[in-house]
Amino acid sequence: MEQFEQLLTCCVCLDRYRIPKLLPCQHSFCMEPCMEGLVDYVRRQVKCPECRAEHRIPYNGVQAFPTNVTLQRFLELHIEITGELPDPTSGQIMERCSVCSEKSYLSYCAHCEKKICEDCKSAHMDILRREITRFNSQIRRSLHRLQDTLAIIEKNSVSLQTKCVYRSHRSLR
């Protein structure tokens, strides 16, 4: 069981993997904060701490590296066997929220591309939900207007066709 625990432990944070990302050299690390901490943003590359190989960062950032699905499945299997749930904040460091500047455990918001605390995240999600609802309403109203316009065009088209047929009959006489 000790060897199994070692297999599930990230060599950077020395904690259980959280979203294990696979580098091209086949070594895995937690996406956050470990992989993020290894990034050289100036050179846009990450240096593997195990083999020292340097890898280009994908355009979408470290989250674009493939997830090590085998390791992820082992983590899920370990949870099923032991019944122990991983601590979501273990290995995480407290940082300042990009929105409120409070020190807390942060989550990455893909929408605004910032690290934010749970309070700001829930407020932000509420705002996004309202925006989505507003956009849906606008789309529905626009769709109804388009359908009305299409109905008028179809009606006028039929009327126009009827007039054309009538005129062509009159010209034949």
N, C-alpha and C. Protein backbone atom coordinates (compact mmCIF):
# COMPACT_ATOMS: atom_id res chain seq x y z
N MET A 1 0.83 -1.20 0.00
CA MET A 1 0.00 0.00 0.00
C MET A 1 0.87 1.26 0.00
N GLU A 2 2.04 1.18 0.62
CA GLU A 2 2.98 2.31 0.66
C GLU A 2 3.39 2.71 -0.76
N GLN A 3 3.67 1.72 -1.61
CA GLN A 3 4.08 2.01 -2.99
C GLN A 3 2.93 2.63 -3.78
N PHE A 4 1.72 2.18 -3.49
CA PHE A 4 0.53 2.74 -4.14
C PHE A 4 0.38 4.21 -3.75
N GLU A 5 0.61 4.52 -2.47
CA GLU A 5 0.55 5.91 -1.99
C GLU A 5 1.60 6.77 -2.70
N GLN A 6 2.81 6.21 -2.88
CA GLN A 6 3.87 6.95 -3.57
C GLN A 6 3.47 7.26 -5.02
N LEU A 7 2.82 6.30 -5.64
CA LEU A 7 2.37 6.46 -7.02
C LEU A 7 1.38 7.62 -7.15
N LEU A 8 0.59 7.85 -6.09
CA LEU A 8 -0.45 8.88 -6.11
C LEU A 8 0.03 10.22 -5.56
N THR A 9 1.35 10.32 -5.27
CA THR A 9 1.90 11.52 -4.65
C THR A 9 2.69 12.34 -5.67
N CYS A 10 2.37 13.61 -5.75
CA CYS A 10 3.08 14.55 -6.63
C CYS A 10 4.44 14.85 -6.01
N CYS A 11 5.49 14.80 -6.82
CA CYS A 11 6.84 15.03 -6.29
C CYS A 11 7.13 16.50 -6.01
N VAL A 12 6.26 17.40 -6.47
CA VAL A 12 6.47 18.83 -6.22
C VAL A 12 5.86 19.23 -4.88
N CYS A 13 4.57 18.95 -4.68
CA CYS A 13 3.90 19.37 -3.44
C CYS A 13 3.92 18.28 -2.38
N LEU A 14 4.36 17.07 -2.76
CA LEU A 14 4.40 15.91 -1.85
C LEU A 14 3.04 15.60 -1.26
N ASP A 15 2.02 15.87 -2.01
CA ASP A 15 0.65 15.59 -1.61
C ASP A 15 -0.01 14.75 -2.70
N ARG A 16 -1.23 14.28 -2.43
CA ARG A 16 -1.94 13.50 -3.43
C ARG A 16 -2.23 14.38 -4.64
N TYR A 17 -2.10 13.79 -5.84
CA TYR A 17 -2.33 14.55 -7.08
C TYR A 17 -3.71 15.19 -7.09
N ARG A 18 -3.76 16.40 -7.62
CA ARG A 18 -5.00 17.10 -7.92
C ARG A 18 -4.92 17.48 -9.40
N ILE A 19 -5.78 16.91 -10.20
CA ILE A 19 -5.78 17.09 -11.66
C ILE A 19 -4.36 16.86 -12.21
N PRO A 20 -3.92 15.59 -12.22
CA PRO A 20 -2.57 15.30 -12.72
C PRO A 20 -2.42 15.56 -14.21
N LYS A 21 -1.51 16.45 -14.55
CA LYS A 21 -1.24 16.79 -15.95
C LYS A 21 0.03 16.09 -16.40
N LEU A 22 0.02 15.62 -17.63
CA LEU A 22 1.11 14.82 -18.18
C LEU A 22 1.96 15.67 -19.13
N LEU A 23 3.25 15.74 -18.84
CA LEU A 23 4.18 16.44 -19.72
C LEU A 23 4.60 15.50 -20.85
N PRO A 24 5.13 16.02 -21.95
CA PRO A 24 5.59 15.15 -23.04
C PRO A 24 6.67 14.16 -22.60
N CYS A 25 7.41 14.46 -21.53
CA CYS A 25 8.43 13.53 -21.02
C CYS A 25 7.82 12.40 -20.20
N GLN A 26 6.48 12.40 -20.08
CA GLN A 26 5.70 11.37 -19.39
C GLN A 26 5.70 11.50 -17.86
N HIS A 27 6.20 12.61 -17.31
CA HIS A 27 6.10 12.85 -15.88
C HIS A 27 4.83 13.65 -15.61
N SER A 28 4.23 13.42 -14.44
CA SER A 28 2.97 14.09 -14.11
C SER A 28 3.11 14.96 -12.87
N PHE A 29 2.32 16.05 -12.85
CA PHE A 29 2.30 16.98 -11.72
C PHE A 29 0.89 17.53 -11.59
N CYS A 30 0.55 18.01 -10.37
CA CYS A 30 -0.74 18.65 -10.17
C CYS A 30 -0.81 19.88 -11.07
N MET A 31 -1.98 20.12 -11.65
CA MET A 31 -2.10 21.29 -12.51
C MET A 31 -1.87 22.56 -11.71
N GLU A 32 -2.53 22.67 -10.54
CA GLU A 32 -2.35 23.84 -9.67
C GLU A 32 -2.10 23.34 -8.27
N PRO A 33 -1.22 23.90 -7.54
CA PRO A 33 -0.34 25.00 -7.90
C PRO A 33 0.99 24.53 -8.51
N CYS A 34 1.22 23.23 -8.55
CA CYS A 34 2.54 22.70 -8.94
C CYS A 34 2.94 23.07 -10.36
N MET A 35 2.13 22.66 -11.34
CA MET A 35 2.48 22.90 -12.74
C MET A 35 2.57 24.40 -13.01
N GLU A 36 1.63 25.17 -12.47
CA GLU A 36 1.64 26.63 -12.64
C GLU A 36 2.94 27.22 -12.10
N GLY A 37 3.44 26.64 -10.99
CA GLY A 37 4.66 27.14 -10.37
C GLY A 37 5.92 26.82 -11.15
N LEU A 38 5.86 25.86 -12.06
CA LEU A 38 7.03 25.46 -12.84
C LEU A 38 7.17 26.25 -14.14
N VAL A 39 6.18 27.06 -14.45
CA VAL A 39 6.14 27.75 -15.74
C VAL A 39 7.10 28.94 -15.79
N ASP A 40 7.84 29.01 -16.89
CA ASP A 40 8.66 30.18 -17.20
C ASP A 40 7.86 30.94 -18.26
N TYR A 41 7.13 31.97 -17.83
CA TYR A 41 6.24 32.68 -18.74
C TYR A 41 7.00 33.51 -19.77
N VAL A 42 8.20 33.92 -19.46
CA VAL A 42 9.00 34.69 -20.42
C VAL A 42 9.36 33.82 -21.62
N ARG A 43 9.83 32.60 -21.34
CA ARG A 43 10.22 31.69 -22.42
C ARG A 43 9.07 30.78 -22.86
N ARG A 44 7.92 30.91 -22.21
CA ARG A 44 6.73 30.09 -22.49
C ARG A 44 7.04 28.61 -22.49
N GLN A 45 7.71 28.18 -21.41
CA GLN A 45 8.00 26.75 -21.28
C GLN A 45 7.98 26.33 -19.82
N VAL A 46 7.93 25.03 -19.64
CA VAL A 46 7.94 24.44 -18.31
C VAL A 46 9.10 23.45 -18.26
N LYS A 47 9.82 23.47 -17.14
CA LYS A 47 10.96 22.56 -16.99
C LYS A 47 10.56 21.46 -16.01
N CYS A 48 10.64 20.22 -16.46
CA CYS A 48 10.27 19.08 -15.62
C CYS A 48 11.26 18.96 -14.47
N PRO A 49 10.78 18.96 -13.21
CA PRO A 49 11.70 18.85 -12.08
C PRO A 49 12.30 17.45 -11.92
N GLU A 50 11.73 16.46 -12.59
CA GLU A 50 12.26 15.10 -12.47
C GLU A 50 13.38 14.84 -13.47
N CYS A 51 13.18 15.17 -14.74
CA CYS A 51 14.20 14.85 -15.75
C CYS A 51 14.86 16.10 -16.34
N ARG A 52 14.40 17.29 -15.94
CA ARG A 52 14.93 18.59 -16.38
C ARG A 52 14.64 18.90 -17.86
N ALA A 53 13.81 18.11 -18.50
CA ALA A 53 13.44 18.38 -19.89
C ALA A 53 12.59 19.65 -19.95
N GLU A 54 12.80 20.44 -21.00
CA GLU A 54 12.03 21.67 -21.17
C GLU A 54 10.97 21.45 -22.25
N HIS A 55 9.75 21.89 -21.94
CA HIS A 55 8.62 21.69 -22.85
C HIS A 55 7.92 23.02 -23.09
N ARG A 56 7.53 23.26 -24.36
CA ARG A 56 6.76 24.46 -24.70
C ARG A 56 5.39 24.37 -24.05
N ILE A 57 4.91 25.50 -23.58
CA ILE A 57 3.57 25.55 -22.99
C ILE A 57 2.56 25.67 -24.13
N PRO A 58 1.50 24.86 -24.12
CA PRO A 58 0.47 25.00 -25.15
C PRO A 58 -0.13 26.41 -25.13
N TYR A 59 -0.71 26.79 -26.23
CA TYR A 59 -1.30 28.12 -26.39
C TYR A 59 -2.29 28.43 -25.26
N ASN A 60 -3.09 27.44 -24.85
CA ASN A 60 -4.12 27.64 -23.82
C ASN A 60 -3.58 27.51 -22.40
N GLY A 61 -2.27 27.39 -22.23
CA GLY A 61 -1.68 27.29 -20.90
C GLY A 61 -1.52 25.85 -20.44
N VAL A 62 -1.07 25.68 -19.18
CA VAL A 62 -0.77 24.34 -18.68
C VAL A 62 -2.00 23.45 -18.61
N GLN A 63 -3.19 24.05 -18.50
CA GLN A 63 -4.40 23.22 -18.47
C GLN A 63 -4.61 22.48 -19.78
N ALA A 64 -3.92 22.90 -20.85
CA ALA A 64 -4.03 22.23 -22.15
C ALA A 64 -3.15 20.98 -22.24
N PHE A 65 -2.20 20.82 -21.29
CA PHE A 65 -1.46 19.56 -21.26
C PHE A 65 -2.48 18.46 -20.95
N PRO A 66 -2.28 17.26 -21.50
CA PRO A 66 -3.28 16.21 -21.27
C PRO A 66 -3.32 15.78 -19.80
N THR A 67 -4.52 15.48 -19.33
CA THR A 67 -4.68 14.93 -17.98
C THR A 67 -4.20 13.49 -18.03
N ASN A 68 -3.45 13.08 -17.01
CA ASN A 68 -2.99 11.69 -16.93
C ASN A 68 -4.18 10.86 -16.46
N VAL A 69 -4.93 10.32 -17.44
CA VAL A 69 -6.18 9.62 -17.12
C VAL A 69 -5.94 8.34 -16.33
N THR A 70 -4.81 7.68 -16.55
CA THR A 70 -4.49 6.47 -15.79
C THR A 70 -4.31 6.83 -14.32
N LEU A 71 -3.53 7.85 -14.07
CA LEU A 71 -3.30 8.31 -12.70
C LEU A 71 -4.60 8.81 -12.08
N GLN A 72 -5.41 9.51 -12.86
CA GLN A 72 -6.70 10.00 -12.38
C GLN A 72 -7.59 8.83 -11.97
N ARG A 73 -7.58 7.77 -12.77
CA ARG A 73 -8.38 6.58 -12.45
C ARG A 73 -7.87 5.91 -11.18
N PHE A 74 -6.54 5.85 -11.01
CA PHE A 74 -5.97 5.30 -9.77
C PHE A 74 -6.42 6.11 -8.56
N LEU A 75 -6.45 7.43 -8.70
CA LEU A 75 -6.92 8.30 -7.61
C LEU A 75 -8.37 7.99 -7.27
N GLU A 76 -9.21 7.84 -8.29
CA GLU A 76 -10.62 7.51 -8.08
C GLU A 76 -10.77 6.14 -7.43
N LEU A 77 -9.96 5.19 -7.88
CA LEU A 77 -9.98 3.84 -7.32
C LEU A 77 -9.56 3.86 -5.85
N HIS A 78 -8.55 4.65 -5.52
CA HIS A 78 -8.08 4.79 -4.14
C HIS A 78 -9.20 5.33 -3.25
N ILE A 79 -9.95 6.31 -3.76
CA ILE A 79 -11.07 6.88 -3.00
C ILE A 79 -12.15 5.83 -2.79
N GLU A 80 -12.44 5.03 -3.85
CA GLU A 80 -13.44 3.97 -3.73
C GLU A 80 -13.03 2.93 -2.69
N ILE A 81 -11.75 2.54 -2.71
CA ILE A 81 -11.26 1.50 -1.80
C ILE A 81 -11.21 2.00 -0.36
N THR A 82 -10.61 3.17 -0.15
CA THR A 82 -10.41 3.68 1.21
C THR A 82 -11.60 4.47 1.74
N GLY A 83 -12.40 5.02 0.83
CA GLY A 83 -13.52 5.85 1.25
C GLY A 83 -13.10 7.24 1.69
N GLU A 84 -11.81 7.54 1.61
CA GLU A 84 -11.34 8.86 2.05
C GLU A 84 -11.37 9.83 0.89
N LEU A 85 -11.93 10.98 1.14
CA LEU A 85 -12.00 12.02 0.12
C LEU A 85 -10.79 12.93 0.26
N PRO A 86 -10.23 13.37 -0.86
CA PRO A 86 -9.08 14.27 -0.76
C PRO A 86 -9.50 15.64 -0.25
N ASP A 87 -8.61 16.26 0.51
CA ASP A 87 -8.84 17.62 1.00
C ASP A 87 -8.62 18.57 -0.17
N PRO A 88 -9.65 19.32 -0.57
CA PRO A 88 -9.50 20.18 -1.75
C PRO A 88 -8.46 21.29 -1.58
N THR A 89 -8.11 21.62 -0.33
CA THR A 89 -7.13 22.69 -0.12
C THR A 89 -5.75 22.15 0.24
N SER A 90 -5.59 20.83 0.33
CA SER A 90 -4.28 20.30 0.71
C SER A 90 -3.26 20.61 -0.37
N GLY A 91 -2.11 21.05 0.04
CA GLY A 91 -1.05 21.39 -0.90
C GLY A 91 -1.23 22.75 -1.54
N GLN A 92 -2.40 23.36 -1.33
CA GLN A 92 -2.64 24.68 -1.90
C GLN A 92 -2.10 25.73 -0.95
N ILE A 93 -1.65 26.81 -1.50
CA ILE A 93 -1.19 27.91 -0.67
C ILE A 93 -2.22 29.03 -0.74
N MET A 94 -2.31 29.78 0.35
CA MET A 94 -3.23 30.92 0.36
C MET A 94 -2.60 32.05 -0.45
N GLU A 95 -3.41 32.64 -1.31
CA GLU A 95 -2.95 33.73 -2.16
C GLU A 95 -3.97 34.86 -2.08
N ARG A 96 -3.61 36.01 -2.60
CA ARG A 96 -4.52 37.15 -2.63
C ARG A 96 -5.47 37.01 -3.82
N CYS A 97 -6.75 37.18 -3.54
CA CYS A 97 -7.79 37.13 -4.57
C CYS A 97 -7.60 38.30 -5.53
N SER A 98 -7.73 38.04 -6.82
CA SER A 98 -7.58 39.09 -7.84
C SER A 98 -8.69 40.13 -7.78
N VAL A 99 -9.81 39.78 -7.14
CA VAL A 99 -10.95 40.70 -7.10
C VAL A 99 -10.99 41.50 -5.80
N CYS A 100 -11.01 40.79 -4.65
CA CYS A 100 -11.18 41.48 -3.37
C CYS A 100 -9.87 41.66 -2.60
N SER A 101 -8.79 41.05 -3.06
CA SER A 101 -7.45 41.13 -2.44
C SER A 101 -7.36 40.45 -1.08
N GLU A 102 -8.40 39.71 -0.67
CA GLU A 102 -8.33 38.95 0.57
C GLU A 102 -7.47 37.72 0.35
N LYS A 103 -6.77 37.28 1.41
CA LYS A 103 -5.95 36.08 1.31
C LYS A 103 -6.84 34.86 1.54
N SER A 104 -6.79 33.92 0.61
CA SER A 104 -7.65 32.75 0.69
C SER A 104 -7.13 31.67 -0.25
N TYR A 105 -7.79 30.49 -0.21
CA TYR A 105 -7.52 29.46 -1.20
C TYR A 105 -8.30 29.85 -2.44
N LEU A 106 -7.65 29.89 -3.58
CA LEU A 106 -8.26 30.44 -4.78
C LEU A 106 -8.59 29.37 -5.81
N SER A 107 -9.57 29.71 -6.63
CA SER A 107 -9.95 28.89 -7.78
C SER A 107 -9.68 29.72 -9.03
N TYR A 108 -9.43 29.04 -10.13
CA TYR A 108 -9.19 29.73 -11.38
C TYR A 108 -10.51 29.91 -12.11
N CYS A 109 -10.81 31.13 -12.49
CA CYS A 109 -12.02 31.42 -13.28
C CYS A 109 -11.62 31.49 -14.75
N ALA A 110 -12.11 30.55 -15.54
CA ALA A 110 -11.77 30.52 -16.97
C ALA A 110 -12.41 31.68 -17.72
N HIS A 111 -13.52 32.22 -17.20
CA HIS A 111 -14.21 33.32 -17.86
C HIS A 111 -13.38 34.60 -17.81
N CYS A 112 -12.93 34.97 -16.61
CA CYS A 112 -12.17 36.23 -16.50
C CYS A 112 -10.67 35.99 -16.42
N GLU A 113 -10.27 34.71 -16.44
CA GLU A 113 -8.86 34.31 -16.42
C GLU A 113 -8.12 34.89 -15.22
N LYS A 114 -8.76 34.78 -14.04
CA LYS A 114 -8.15 35.26 -12.80
C LYS A 114 -8.34 34.20 -11.72
N LYS A 115 -7.48 34.26 -10.70
CA LYS A 115 -7.65 33.41 -9.53
C LYS A 115 -8.49 34.18 -8.52
N ILE A 116 -9.60 33.55 -8.09
CA ILE A 116 -10.52 34.25 -7.18
C ILE A 116 -10.93 33.35 -6.02
N CYS A 117 -11.32 33.99 -4.90
CA CYS A 117 -11.75 33.26 -3.71
C CYS A 117 -13.19 32.76 -3.91
N GLU A 118 -13.65 31.90 -2.99
CA GLU A 118 -14.98 31.30 -3.10
C GLU A 118 -16.09 32.35 -3.07
N ASP A 119 -15.96 33.37 -2.19
CA ASP A 119 -16.99 34.41 -2.11
C ASP A 119 -17.12 35.15 -3.44
N CYS A 120 -15.98 35.57 -3.99
CA CYS A 120 -16.00 36.29 -5.27
C CYS A 120 -16.46 35.37 -6.39
N LYS A 121 -16.10 34.08 -6.29
CA LYS A 121 -16.50 33.12 -7.31
C LYS A 121 -18.02 32.98 -7.34
N SER A 122 -18.65 32.84 -6.16
CA SER A 122 -20.11 32.68 -6.15
C SER A 122 -20.80 33.96 -6.62
N ALA A 123 -20.28 35.14 -6.22
CA ALA A 123 -20.86 36.40 -6.70
C ALA A 123 -20.69 36.51 -8.22
N HIS A 124 -19.52 36.13 -8.70
CA HIS A 124 -19.23 36.18 -10.14
C HIS A 124 -20.15 35.22 -10.90
N MET A 125 -20.37 34.03 -10.35
CA MET A 125 -21.25 33.06 -11.00
C MET A 125 -22.68 33.58 -11.06
N ASP A 126 -23.13 34.28 -9.99
CA ASP A 126 -24.47 34.88 -10.01
C ASP A 126 -24.59 35.90 -11.13
N ILE A 127 -23.57 36.73 -11.28
CA ILE A 127 -23.56 37.74 -12.34
C ILE A 127 -23.61 37.06 -13.71
N LEU A 128 -22.79 36.00 -13.88
CA LEU A 128 -22.78 35.28 -15.16
C LEU A 128 -24.13 34.64 -15.46
N ARG A 129 -24.77 34.08 -14.42
CA ARG A 129 -26.10 33.48 -14.62
C ARG A 129 -27.11 34.53 -15.08
N ARG A 130 -27.08 35.71 -14.45
CA ARG A 130 -27.98 36.79 -14.84
C ARG A 130 -27.71 37.23 -16.29
N GLU A 131 -26.42 37.33 -16.65
CA GLU A 131 -26.06 37.71 -18.02
C GLU A 131 -26.58 36.68 -19.02
N ILE A 132 -26.40 35.41 -18.69
CA ILE A 132 -26.86 34.33 -19.59
C ILE A 132 -28.37 34.39 -19.74
N THR A 133 -29.08 34.61 -18.63
CA THR A 133 -30.54 34.73 -18.68
C THR A 133 -30.95 35.91 -19.55
N ARG A 134 -30.26 37.05 -19.39
CA ARG A 134 -30.54 38.24 -20.20
C ARG A 134 -30.29 37.95 -21.69
N PHE A 135 -29.16 37.30 -21.99
CA PHE A 135 -28.85 36.97 -23.38
C PHE A 135 -29.90 36.02 -23.97
N ASN A 136 -30.31 35.04 -23.17
CA ASN A 136 -31.34 34.11 -23.65
C ASN A 136 -32.63 34.84 -23.98
N SER A 137 -33.02 35.80 -23.12
CA SER A 137 -34.23 36.59 -23.36
C SER A 137 -34.10 37.40 -24.64
N GLN A 138 -32.95 38.04 -24.83
CA GLN A 138 -32.72 38.82 -26.04
C GLN A 138 -32.80 37.94 -27.29
N ILE A 139 -32.21 36.76 -27.20
CA ILE A 139 -32.22 35.83 -28.34
C ILE A 139 -33.65 35.39 -28.64
N ARG A 140 -34.43 35.09 -27.58
CA ARG A 140 -35.82 34.67 -27.80
C ARG A 140 -36.64 35.78 -28.46
N ARG A 141 -36.47 37.03 -27.95
CA ARG A 141 -37.19 38.16 -28.54
C ARG A 141 -36.79 38.35 -30.00
N SER A 142 -35.50 38.27 -30.27
CA SER A 142 -35.02 38.42 -31.65
C SER A 142 -35.55 37.30 -32.54
N LEU A 143 -35.61 36.10 -31.99
CA LEU A 143 -36.12 34.96 -32.75
C LEU A 143 -37.59 35.17 -33.10
N HIS A 144 -38.38 35.67 -32.13
CA HIS A 144 -39.80 35.93 -32.40
C HIS A 144 -39.95 37.00 -33.48
N ARG A 145 -39.13 38.07 -33.40
CA ARG A 145 -39.19 39.11 -34.43
C ARG A 145 -38.83 38.54 -35.80
N LEU A 146 -37.80 37.69 -35.84
CA LEU A 146 -37.40 37.08 -37.11
C LEU A 146 -38.50 36.18 -37.66
N GLN A 147 -39.15 35.42 -36.77
CA GLN A 147 -40.24 34.55 -37.21
C GLN A 147 -41.40 35.37 -37.76
N ASP A 148 -41.72 36.50 -37.09
CA ASP A 148 -42.79 37.38 -37.58
C ASP A 148 -42.42 37.95 -38.95
N THR A 149 -41.18 38.40 -39.08
CA THR A 149 -40.71 38.96 -40.35
C THR A 149 -40.76 37.90 -41.45
N LEU A 150 -40.34 36.69 -41.13
CA LEU A 150 -40.37 35.60 -42.10
C LEU A 150 -41.80 35.30 -42.54
N ALA A 151 -42.74 35.32 -41.60
CA ALA A 151 -44.15 35.07 -41.93
C ALA A 151 -44.66 36.15 -42.89
N ILE A 152 -44.31 37.41 -42.63
CA ILE A 152 -44.72 38.52 -43.52
C ILE A 152 -44.11 38.33 -44.91
N ILE A 153 -42.83 37.97 -44.96
CA ILE A 153 -42.16 37.76 -46.25
C ILE A 153 -42.82 36.62 -47.02
N GLU A 154 -43.13 35.53 -46.32
CA GLU A 154 -43.78 34.39 -46.99
C GLU A 154 -45.16 34.80 -47.52
N LYS A 155 -45.91 35.57 -46.71
CA LYS A 155 -47.24 36.03 -47.12
C LYS A 155 -47.13 36.93 -48.36
N ASN A 156 -46.17 37.87 -48.32
CA ASN A 156 -45.96 38.77 -49.46
C ASN A 156 -45.48 38.00 -50.69
N SER A 157 -44.68 36.98 -50.45
CA SER A 157 -44.17 36.17 -51.55
C SER A 157 -45.31 35.45 -52.27
N VAL A 158 -46.24 34.88 -51.48
CA VAL A 158 -47.40 34.19 -52.06
C VAL A 158 -48.25 35.20 -52.83
N SER A 159 -48.46 36.37 -52.23
CA SER A 159 -49.25 37.42 -52.89
C SER A 159 -48.59 37.86 -54.19
N LEU A 160 -47.28 38.02 -54.15
CA LEU A 160 -46.53 38.43 -55.34
C LEU A 160 -46.59 37.36 -56.43
N GLN A 161 -46.49 36.10 -56.03
CA GLN A 161 -46.58 35.01 -57.00
C GLN A 161 -47.96 34.98 -57.66
N THR A 162 -48.98 35.20 -56.85
CA THR A 162 -50.35 35.21 -57.37
C THR A 162 -50.51 36.33 -58.39
N LYS A 163 -49.99 37.53 -58.07
CA LYS A 163 -50.08 38.66 -59.00
C LYS A 163 -49.32 38.37 -60.29
N CYS A 164 -48.16 37.75 -60.17
CA CYS A 164 -47.36 37.42 -61.36
C CYS A 164 -48.10 36.43 -62.25
N VAL A 165 -48.72 35.42 -61.65
CA VAL A 165 -49.47 34.43 -62.41
C VAL A 165 -50.66 35.12 -63.09
N TYR A 166 -51.36 35.99 -62.37
CA TYR A 166 -52.52 36.71 -62.91
C TYR A 166 -52.10 37.58 -64.10
N ARG A 167 -51.00 38.31 -63.95
CA ARG A 167 -50.52 39.18 -65.03
C ARG A 167 -50.06 38.37 -66.24
N SER A 168 -49.41 37.25 -66.00
CA SER A 168 -48.94 36.43 -67.13
C SER A 168 -50.13 35.84 -67.88
N HIS A 169 -51.22 35.50 -67.16
CA HIS A 169 -52.44 35.01 -67.81
C HIS A 169 -53.08 36.11 -68.64
N ARG A 170 -53.11 37.32 -68.09
CA ARG A 170 -53.71 38.46 -68.80
C ARG A 170 -52.93 38.79 -70.07
N SER A 171 -51.61 38.67 -69.99
CA SER A 171 -50.80 39.01 -71.16
C SER A 171 -50.93 37.97 -72.27
N LEU A 172 -51.33 36.75 -71.92
CA LEU A 172 -51.51 35.70 -72.91
C LEU A 172 -52.81 35.88 -73.69
N ARG A 173 -53.76 36.60 -73.19
CA ARG A 173 -55.07 36.76 -73.86
C ARG A 173 -55.03 37.67 -75.00
